[in-house]
């Protein structure tokens, strides 16, 4: 390969194994993603690397991330102790994880700057919308490579 440059942003986390042992691990900040700068000629070679499933792309062209965004990401990882957070969008199913509604599941909606979750009570076929902060909810979905 001619000029392949890679960047794998990681974060440190504490993991508890089933046997009770605690371990500090470095985990990818974005599971299943490695940032790479490769010439057009190296892209085919990148796809031949064991474990590489494909290139992130829009339409038929690989997606480009600006050098400024990569440098900002590097700075966040190195000095701000960045941790993963789900990308939540209106319409996503979420679970409230703290506060008086903890454990309830609903659909995320947005009104201007605030977040609201619509909670449905199926037996009476009625719903309510409650205001939440991003730290009070988690996405209900499994992330797979």
N, C-alpha and C. Protein backbone atom coordinates (compact mmCIF):
# COMPACT_ATOMS: atom_id res chain seq x y z
N UNK A 1 0.84 -1.17 0.00
CA UNK A 1 0.00 0.00 0.00
C UNK A 1 0.88 1.23 0.00
N UNK A 2 0.48 2.21 -0.74
CA UNK A 2 1.30 3.40 -0.93
C UNK A 2 1.31 4.33 0.28
N UNK A 3 0.17 4.85 0.69
CA UNK A 3 0.16 5.88 1.72
C UNK A 3 -1.05 5.74 2.65
N UNK A 4 -1.27 4.57 3.18
CA UNK A 4 -2.41 4.33 4.04
C UNK A 4 -2.14 4.88 5.43
N UNK A 5 -3.02 5.76 5.90
CA UNK A 5 -2.95 6.29 7.27
C UNK A 5 -4.24 5.88 7.97
N UNK A 6 -4.12 5.43 9.22
CA UNK A 6 -5.31 4.99 9.95
C UNK A 6 -5.42 5.69 11.29
N UNK A 7 -6.63 5.72 11.81
CA UNK A 7 -6.89 6.31 13.13
C UNK A 7 -8.04 5.53 13.75
N UNK A 8 -7.81 4.93 14.91
CA UNK A 8 -8.84 4.21 15.65
C UNK A 8 -9.05 4.94 16.97
N UNK A 9 -10.09 5.75 17.07
CA UNK A 9 -10.35 6.43 18.35
C UNK A 9 -10.86 5.43 19.37
N UNK A 10 -10.27 5.46 20.56
CA UNK A 10 -10.65 4.53 21.62
C UNK A 10 -11.00 5.29 22.89
N UNK A 11 -11.70 4.61 23.78
CA UNK A 11 -12.00 5.15 25.10
C UNK A 11 -11.71 4.06 26.11
N UNK A 12 -11.41 4.48 27.33
CA UNK A 12 -11.15 3.52 28.39
C UNK A 12 -12.44 3.27 29.15
N UNK A 13 -12.68 1.99 29.46
CA UNK A 13 -13.86 1.66 30.25
C UNK A 13 -13.50 0.53 31.21
N UNK A 14 -14.27 0.44 32.25
CA UNK A 14 -14.08 -0.63 33.24
C UNK A 14 -15.11 -1.70 32.95
N UNK A 15 -14.64 -2.93 32.83
CA UNK A 15 -15.53 -4.05 32.50
C UNK A 15 -15.54 -5.04 33.67
N UNK A 16 -16.71 -5.55 33.97
CA UNK A 16 -16.84 -6.57 35.00
C UNK A 16 -17.14 -7.89 34.31
N UNK A 17 -16.22 -8.84 34.43
CA UNK A 17 -16.40 -10.15 33.84
C UNK A 17 -17.32 -10.98 34.71
N UNK A 18 -17.87 -12.06 34.15
CA UNK A 18 -18.81 -12.92 34.87
C UNK A 18 -18.19 -13.54 36.13
N UNK A 19 -16.87 -13.71 36.13
CA UNK A 19 -16.20 -14.29 37.29
C UNK A 19 -15.90 -13.27 38.39
N UNK A 20 -16.39 -12.02 38.21
CA UNK A 20 -16.21 -10.99 39.23
C UNK A 20 -14.96 -10.14 39.08
N UNK A 21 -14.13 -10.43 38.10
CA UNK A 21 -12.90 -9.68 37.89
C UNK A 21 -13.20 -8.38 37.14
N UNK A 22 -12.64 -7.29 37.65
CA UNK A 22 -12.75 -5.99 36.98
C UNK A 22 -11.51 -5.78 36.12
N UNK A 23 -11.70 -5.17 34.95
CA UNK A 23 -10.55 -4.89 34.08
C UNK A 23 -10.79 -3.56 33.37
N UNK A 24 -9.73 -2.77 33.25
CA UNK A 24 -9.80 -1.54 32.46
C UNK A 24 -9.43 -1.90 31.03
N UNK A 25 -10.30 -1.55 30.09
CA UNK A 25 -10.11 -1.90 28.69
C UNK A 25 -10.11 -0.66 27.81
N UNK A 26 -9.41 -0.75 26.70
CA UNK A 26 -9.54 0.26 25.65
C UNK A 26 -10.46 -0.31 24.60
N UNK A 27 -11.56 0.39 24.34
CA UNK A 27 -12.56 -0.07 23.38
C UNK A 27 -12.70 0.99 22.29
N UNK A 28 -13.05 0.56 21.07
CA UNK A 28 -13.27 1.54 20.00
C UNK A 28 -14.39 2.50 20.37
N UNK A 29 -14.18 3.78 20.11
CA UNK A 29 -15.20 4.79 20.37
C UNK A 29 -16.40 4.58 19.45
N UNK A 30 -16.13 4.14 18.23
CA UNK A 30 -17.17 3.83 17.26
C UNK A 30 -16.99 2.38 16.84
N UNK A 31 -17.66 1.43 17.51
CA UNK A 31 -17.47 0.02 17.17
C UNK A 31 -17.69 -0.22 15.68
N UNK A 32 -16.82 -1.02 15.10
CA UNK A 32 -16.89 -1.43 13.69
C UNK A 32 -16.36 -0.38 12.72
N UNK A 33 -15.78 0.73 13.22
CA UNK A 33 -15.26 1.76 12.32
C UNK A 33 -13.81 2.08 12.60
N UNK A 34 -13.02 2.15 11.55
CA UNK A 34 -11.63 2.57 11.57
C UNK A 34 -11.53 3.67 10.52
N UNK A 35 -10.97 4.81 10.90
CA UNK A 35 -10.80 5.89 9.94
C UNK A 35 -9.50 5.67 9.18
N UNK A 36 -9.57 5.81 7.87
CA UNK A 36 -8.38 5.59 7.05
C UNK A 36 -8.30 6.64 5.95
N UNK A 37 -7.08 7.08 5.69
CA UNK A 37 -6.83 7.97 4.56
C UNK A 37 -6.01 7.15 3.57
N UNK A 38 -6.62 6.88 2.45
CA UNK A 38 -5.97 6.03 1.46
C UNK A 38 -6.15 6.63 0.07
N UNK A 39 -5.17 6.41 -0.76
CA UNK A 39 -5.31 6.86 -2.14
C UNK A 39 -6.36 6.00 -2.83
N UNK A 40 -6.82 6.45 -3.94
CA UNK A 40 -7.83 5.69 -4.71
C UNK A 40 -7.29 4.30 -5.07
N UNK A 41 -5.98 4.20 -5.22
CA UNK A 41 -5.37 2.92 -5.59
C UNK A 41 -5.28 1.97 -4.39
N UNK A 42 -5.23 2.52 -3.18
CA UNK A 42 -5.12 1.69 -1.98
C UNK A 42 -6.47 1.16 -1.50
N UNK A 43 -7.57 1.72 -1.98
CA UNK A 43 -8.89 1.30 -1.49
C UNK A 43 -9.16 -0.17 -1.73
N UNK A 44 -8.75 -0.68 -2.86
CA UNK A 44 -8.94 -2.11 -3.15
C UNK A 44 -8.13 -2.94 -2.16
N UNK A 45 -6.91 -2.51 -1.86
CA UNK A 45 -6.08 -3.23 -0.89
C UNK A 45 -6.68 -3.19 0.51
N UNK A 46 -7.29 -2.05 0.88
CA UNK A 46 -7.93 -1.94 2.18
C UNK A 46 -9.05 -2.97 2.29
N UNK A 47 -9.82 -3.14 1.24
CA UNK A 47 -10.93 -4.10 1.26
C UNK A 47 -10.45 -5.55 1.34
N UNK A 48 -9.19 -5.79 1.05
CA UNK A 48 -8.63 -7.14 1.13
C UNK A 48 -8.11 -7.49 2.52
N UNK A 49 -8.04 -6.51 3.40
CA UNK A 49 -7.53 -6.75 4.75
C UNK A 49 -8.55 -7.59 5.52
N UNK A 50 -8.10 -8.68 6.15
CA UNK A 50 -9.03 -9.52 6.91
C UNK A 50 -9.77 -8.70 7.96
N UNK A 51 -11.08 -8.87 8.02
CA UNK A 51 -11.90 -8.15 8.99
C UNK A 51 -12.57 -6.90 8.43
N UNK A 52 -12.06 -6.39 7.33
CA UNK A 52 -12.68 -5.20 6.72
C UNK A 52 -13.90 -5.65 5.93
N UNK A 53 -15.04 -5.07 6.27
CA UNK A 53 -16.29 -5.45 5.61
C UNK A 53 -16.63 -4.53 4.45
N UNK A 54 -16.17 -3.29 4.52
CA UNK A 54 -16.49 -2.35 3.46
C UNK A 54 -16.07 -0.95 3.85
N UNK A 55 -16.33 -0.02 2.96
CA UNK A 55 -16.04 1.39 3.20
C UNK A 55 -17.36 2.11 3.43
N UNK A 56 -17.38 3.01 4.41
CA UNK A 56 -18.57 3.82 4.61
C UNK A 56 -18.74 4.69 3.37
N UNK A 57 -19.93 4.69 2.82
CA UNK A 57 -20.11 5.44 1.58
C UNK A 57 -21.51 5.99 1.46
N UNK A 58 -21.61 7.02 0.64
CA UNK A 58 -22.91 7.54 0.25
C UNK A 58 -22.95 7.40 -1.26
N UNK A 59 -23.99 6.87 -1.77
CA UNK A 59 -24.12 6.45 -3.17
C UNK A 59 -23.02 5.45 -3.46
N UNK A 60 -22.19 5.69 -4.45
CA UNK A 60 -21.16 4.70 -4.79
C UNK A 60 -19.76 5.18 -4.44
N UNK A 61 -19.64 6.32 -3.76
CA UNK A 61 -18.33 6.88 -3.43
C UNK A 61 -18.07 6.81 -1.93
N UNK A 62 -16.83 6.46 -1.54
CA UNK A 62 -16.51 6.45 -0.10
C UNK A 62 -16.77 7.82 0.51
N UNK A 63 -17.28 7.82 1.74
CA UNK A 63 -17.55 9.07 2.45
C UNK A 63 -16.24 9.68 2.91
N UNK A 64 -16.16 10.99 2.78
CA UNK A 64 -14.95 11.70 3.19
C UNK A 64 -15.25 12.48 4.46
N UNK A 65 -14.30 12.42 5.40
CA UNK A 65 -14.38 13.20 6.63
C UNK A 65 -13.23 14.19 6.56
N UNK A 66 -13.52 15.45 6.82
CA UNK A 66 -12.49 16.48 6.68
C UNK A 66 -11.37 16.28 7.70
N UNK A 67 -10.20 16.77 7.34
CA UNK A 67 -9.04 16.69 8.24
C UNK A 67 -9.34 17.43 9.54
N UNK A 68 -10.10 18.53 9.46
CA UNK A 68 -10.45 19.30 10.66
C UNK A 68 -11.31 18.47 11.61
N UNK A 69 -12.25 17.69 11.05
CA UNK A 69 -13.11 16.83 11.89
C UNK A 69 -12.29 15.73 12.55
N UNK A 70 -11.36 15.15 11.81
CA UNK A 70 -10.50 14.10 12.37
C UNK A 70 -9.63 14.68 13.49
N UNK A 71 -9.07 15.87 13.28
CA UNK A 71 -8.23 16.49 14.31
C UNK A 71 -9.05 16.84 15.54
N UNK A 72 -10.28 17.30 15.35
CA UNK A 72 -11.16 17.58 16.49
C UNK A 72 -11.48 16.29 17.24
N UNK A 73 -11.69 15.22 16.52
CA UNK A 73 -11.95 13.92 17.14
C UNK A 73 -10.73 13.44 17.92
N UNK A 74 -9.55 13.61 17.34
CA UNK A 74 -8.30 13.25 18.05
C UNK A 74 -8.19 14.03 19.36
N UNK A 75 -8.46 15.33 19.30
CA UNK A 75 -8.37 16.17 20.49
C UNK A 75 -9.38 15.72 21.55
N UNK A 76 -10.59 15.40 21.12
CA UNK A 76 -11.63 14.96 22.07
C UNK A 76 -11.22 13.67 22.75
N UNK A 77 -10.63 12.75 21.99
CA UNK A 77 -10.22 11.46 22.54
C UNK A 77 -9.05 11.65 23.50
N UNK A 78 -8.09 12.48 23.12
CA UNK A 78 -6.87 12.64 23.92
C UNK A 78 -7.06 13.48 25.17
N UNK A 79 -7.82 14.57 25.09
CA UNK A 79 -7.88 15.47 26.22
C UNK A 79 -9.23 15.58 26.91
N UNK A 80 -10.30 15.18 26.27
CA UNK A 80 -11.63 15.36 26.85
C UNK A 80 -12.26 14.07 27.33
N UNK A 81 -11.54 12.96 27.25
CA UNK A 81 -12.04 11.66 27.66
C UNK A 81 -13.41 11.37 27.05
N UNK A 82 -13.49 11.42 25.74
CA UNK A 82 -14.73 11.16 25.02
C UNK A 82 -15.20 9.74 25.28
N UNK A 83 -16.51 9.58 25.37
CA UNK A 83 -17.11 8.26 25.53
C UNK A 83 -18.21 8.12 24.49
N UNK A 84 -18.56 6.90 24.12
CA UNK A 84 -19.61 6.71 23.12
C UNK A 84 -20.97 7.17 23.63
N UNK A 85 -21.79 7.63 22.73
CA UNK A 85 -23.17 8.00 23.05
C UNK A 85 -24.00 7.68 21.83
N UNK A 86 -25.16 7.08 22.01
CA UNK A 86 -25.96 6.73 20.84
C UNK A 86 -26.41 7.96 20.06
N UNK A 87 -26.47 7.82 18.77
CA UNK A 87 -26.99 8.88 17.91
C UNK A 87 -28.50 8.72 17.90
N UNK A 88 -29.18 9.58 18.62
CA UNK A 88 -30.63 9.47 18.76
C UNK A 88 -31.33 10.41 17.78
N UNK A 89 -32.33 9.89 17.13
CA UNK A 89 -33.11 10.66 16.17
C UNK A 89 -34.59 10.55 16.51
N UNK A 90 -35.34 11.55 16.08
CA UNK A 90 -36.78 11.50 16.27
C UNK A 90 -37.31 10.20 15.64
N UNK A 91 -38.17 9.53 16.36
CA UNK A 91 -38.72 8.26 15.88
C UNK A 91 -38.04 7.03 16.46
N UNK A 92 -36.86 7.21 17.10
CA UNK A 92 -36.15 6.07 17.70
C UNK A 92 -36.88 5.60 18.95
N UNK A 93 -36.87 4.28 19.17
CA UNK A 93 -37.41 3.73 20.42
C UNK A 93 -36.34 3.91 21.49
N UNK A 94 -36.75 4.41 22.65
CA UNK A 94 -35.83 4.67 23.75
C UNK A 94 -36.40 4.15 25.06
N UNK A 95 -35.50 3.98 26.01
CA UNK A 95 -35.88 3.58 27.37
C UNK A 95 -35.42 4.70 28.30
N UNK A 96 -36.28 5.10 29.21
CA UNK A 96 -35.90 6.09 30.22
C UNK A 96 -35.13 5.34 31.30
N UNK A 97 -33.92 5.83 31.62
CA UNK A 97 -33.06 5.08 32.54
C UNK A 97 -32.93 5.72 33.92
N UNK A 98 -33.45 6.95 34.09
CA UNK A 98 -33.41 7.56 35.41
C UNK A 98 -34.61 8.48 35.59
N UNK A 99 -34.87 8.83 36.84
CA UNK A 99 -36.00 9.70 37.14
C UNK A 99 -37.25 8.89 37.44
N UNK A 100 -38.37 9.58 37.64
CA UNK A 100 -39.60 8.91 38.06
C UNK A 100 -40.18 7.96 37.01
N UNK A 101 -39.80 8.12 35.75
CA UNK A 101 -40.32 7.26 34.68
C UNK A 101 -39.32 6.17 34.28
N UNK A 102 -38.29 5.95 35.09
CA UNK A 102 -37.25 4.97 34.76
C UNK A 102 -37.87 3.61 34.44
N UNK A 103 -37.39 3.00 33.37
CA UNK A 103 -37.86 1.70 32.94
C UNK A 103 -38.92 1.76 31.86
N UNK A 104 -39.55 2.92 31.70
CA UNK A 104 -40.58 3.07 30.67
C UNK A 104 -39.92 3.17 29.30
N UNK A 105 -40.58 2.64 28.30
CA UNK A 105 -40.08 2.70 26.93
C UNK A 105 -41.05 3.48 26.07
N UNK A 106 -40.49 4.21 25.10
CA UNK A 106 -41.34 5.00 24.22
C UNK A 106 -40.62 5.40 22.96
N UNK A 107 -41.15 6.40 22.28
CA UNK A 107 -40.60 6.90 21.02
C UNK A 107 -40.12 8.32 21.23
N UNK A 108 -38.89 8.60 20.80
CA UNK A 108 -38.31 9.92 20.96
C UNK A 108 -38.89 10.89 19.94
N UNK A 109 -39.31 12.07 20.42
CA UNK A 109 -39.72 13.16 19.53
C UNK A 109 -38.95 14.39 19.96
N UNK A 110 -38.82 15.35 19.08
CA UNK A 110 -38.12 16.60 19.41
C UNK A 110 -39.06 17.77 19.15
N UNK A 111 -39.00 18.74 20.02
CA UNK A 111 -39.69 20.01 19.82
C UNK A 111 -38.67 21.08 20.07
N UNK A 112 -38.23 21.73 19.00
CA UNK A 112 -37.16 22.74 19.05
C UNK A 112 -35.95 22.15 19.76
N UNK A 113 -35.53 22.71 20.90
CA UNK A 113 -34.31 22.24 21.57
C UNK A 113 -34.56 21.13 22.58
N UNK A 114 -35.81 20.93 23.00
CA UNK A 114 -36.06 19.94 24.04
C UNK A 114 -36.32 18.55 23.45
N UNK A 115 -36.10 17.55 24.28
CA UNK A 115 -36.38 16.17 23.91
C UNK A 115 -37.64 15.74 24.64
N UNK A 116 -38.48 15.02 23.94
CA UNK A 116 -39.69 14.47 24.55
C UNK A 116 -39.79 13.02 24.13
N UNK A 117 -40.29 12.21 25.05
CA UNK A 117 -40.53 10.80 24.76
C UNK A 117 -42.03 10.55 24.88
N UNK A 118 -42.57 9.92 23.86
CA UNK A 118 -43.98 9.54 23.89
C UNK A 118 -44.07 8.15 24.50
N UNK A 119 -44.81 8.06 25.60
CA UNK A 119 -45.01 6.80 26.30
C UNK A 119 -46.45 6.36 26.05
N UNK A 120 -46.62 5.13 25.64
CA UNK A 120 -47.97 4.62 25.34
C UNK A 120 -48.42 3.63 26.38
N UNK A 121 -49.67 3.75 26.76
CA UNK A 121 -50.29 2.78 27.66
C UNK A 121 -51.24 1.98 26.77
N UNK A 122 -50.75 0.84 26.33
CA UNK A 122 -51.44 0.08 25.30
C UNK A 122 -52.84 -0.39 25.70
N UNK A 123 -53.01 -0.77 26.97
CA UNK A 123 -54.29 -1.34 27.38
C UNK A 123 -55.45 -0.36 27.23
N UNK A 124 -55.14 0.96 27.38
CA UNK A 124 -56.21 1.95 27.19
C UNK A 124 -56.02 2.74 25.89
N UNK A 125 -55.02 2.36 25.12
CA UNK A 125 -54.74 2.97 23.81
C UNK A 125 -54.60 4.49 23.91
N UNK A 126 -53.79 4.94 24.89
CA UNK A 126 -53.53 6.36 25.09
C UNK A 126 -52.03 6.57 25.27
N UNK A 127 -51.57 7.79 24.97
CA UNK A 127 -50.14 8.12 25.09
C UNK A 127 -49.97 9.45 25.79
N UNK A 128 -48.81 9.63 26.38
CA UNK A 128 -48.42 10.91 26.95
C UNK A 128 -47.03 11.24 26.44
N UNK A 129 -46.68 12.53 26.45
CA UNK A 129 -45.33 12.95 26.07
C UNK A 129 -44.68 13.57 27.31
N UNK A 130 -43.46 13.13 27.62
CA UNK A 130 -42.74 13.66 28.77
C UNK A 130 -41.42 14.25 28.31
N UNK A 131 -40.99 15.32 28.98
CA UNK A 131 -39.72 15.96 28.66
C UNK A 131 -38.59 15.23 29.36
N UNK A 132 -37.50 14.98 28.65
CA UNK A 132 -36.34 14.27 29.20
C UNK A 132 -35.07 14.96 28.73
N UNK A 133 -33.96 14.64 29.39
CA UNK A 133 -32.65 15.08 28.90
C UNK A 133 -31.97 13.87 28.26
N UNK A 134 -30.96 14.13 27.46
CA UNK A 134 -30.28 13.02 26.77
C UNK A 134 -29.64 12.03 27.74
N UNK A 135 -29.24 12.50 28.92
CA UNK A 135 -28.59 11.57 29.86
C UNK A 135 -29.60 10.69 30.58
N UNK A 136 -30.89 10.94 30.39
CA UNK A 136 -31.91 10.13 31.04
C UNK A 136 -32.46 9.02 30.16
N UNK A 137 -31.99 8.93 28.92
CA UNK A 137 -32.53 7.93 28.00
C UNK A 137 -31.42 7.14 27.34
N UNK A 138 -31.80 5.95 26.86
CA UNK A 138 -30.89 5.15 26.06
C UNK A 138 -31.67 4.56 24.90
N UNK A 139 -30.97 4.36 23.80
CA UNK A 139 -31.60 3.78 22.63
C UNK A 139 -31.92 2.31 22.87
N UNK A 140 -33.01 1.84 22.30
CA UNK A 140 -33.37 0.43 22.36
C UNK A 140 -33.06 -0.14 20.99
N UNK A 141 -31.89 -0.68 20.84
CA UNK A 141 -31.49 -1.32 19.59
C UNK A 141 -30.19 -2.04 19.85
N UNK A 142 -29.93 -3.04 19.05
CA UNK A 142 -28.66 -3.75 19.18
C UNK A 142 -27.74 -3.28 18.09
N UNK A 143 -26.48 -3.07 18.43
CA UNK A 143 -25.48 -2.62 17.46
C UNK A 143 -24.69 -3.84 17.02
N UNK A 144 -24.69 -4.09 15.76
CA UNK A 144 -23.97 -5.25 15.20
C UNK A 144 -23.10 -4.80 14.06
N UNK A 145 -22.03 -5.49 13.89
CA UNK A 145 -21.11 -5.19 12.77
C UNK A 145 -21.58 -5.88 11.53
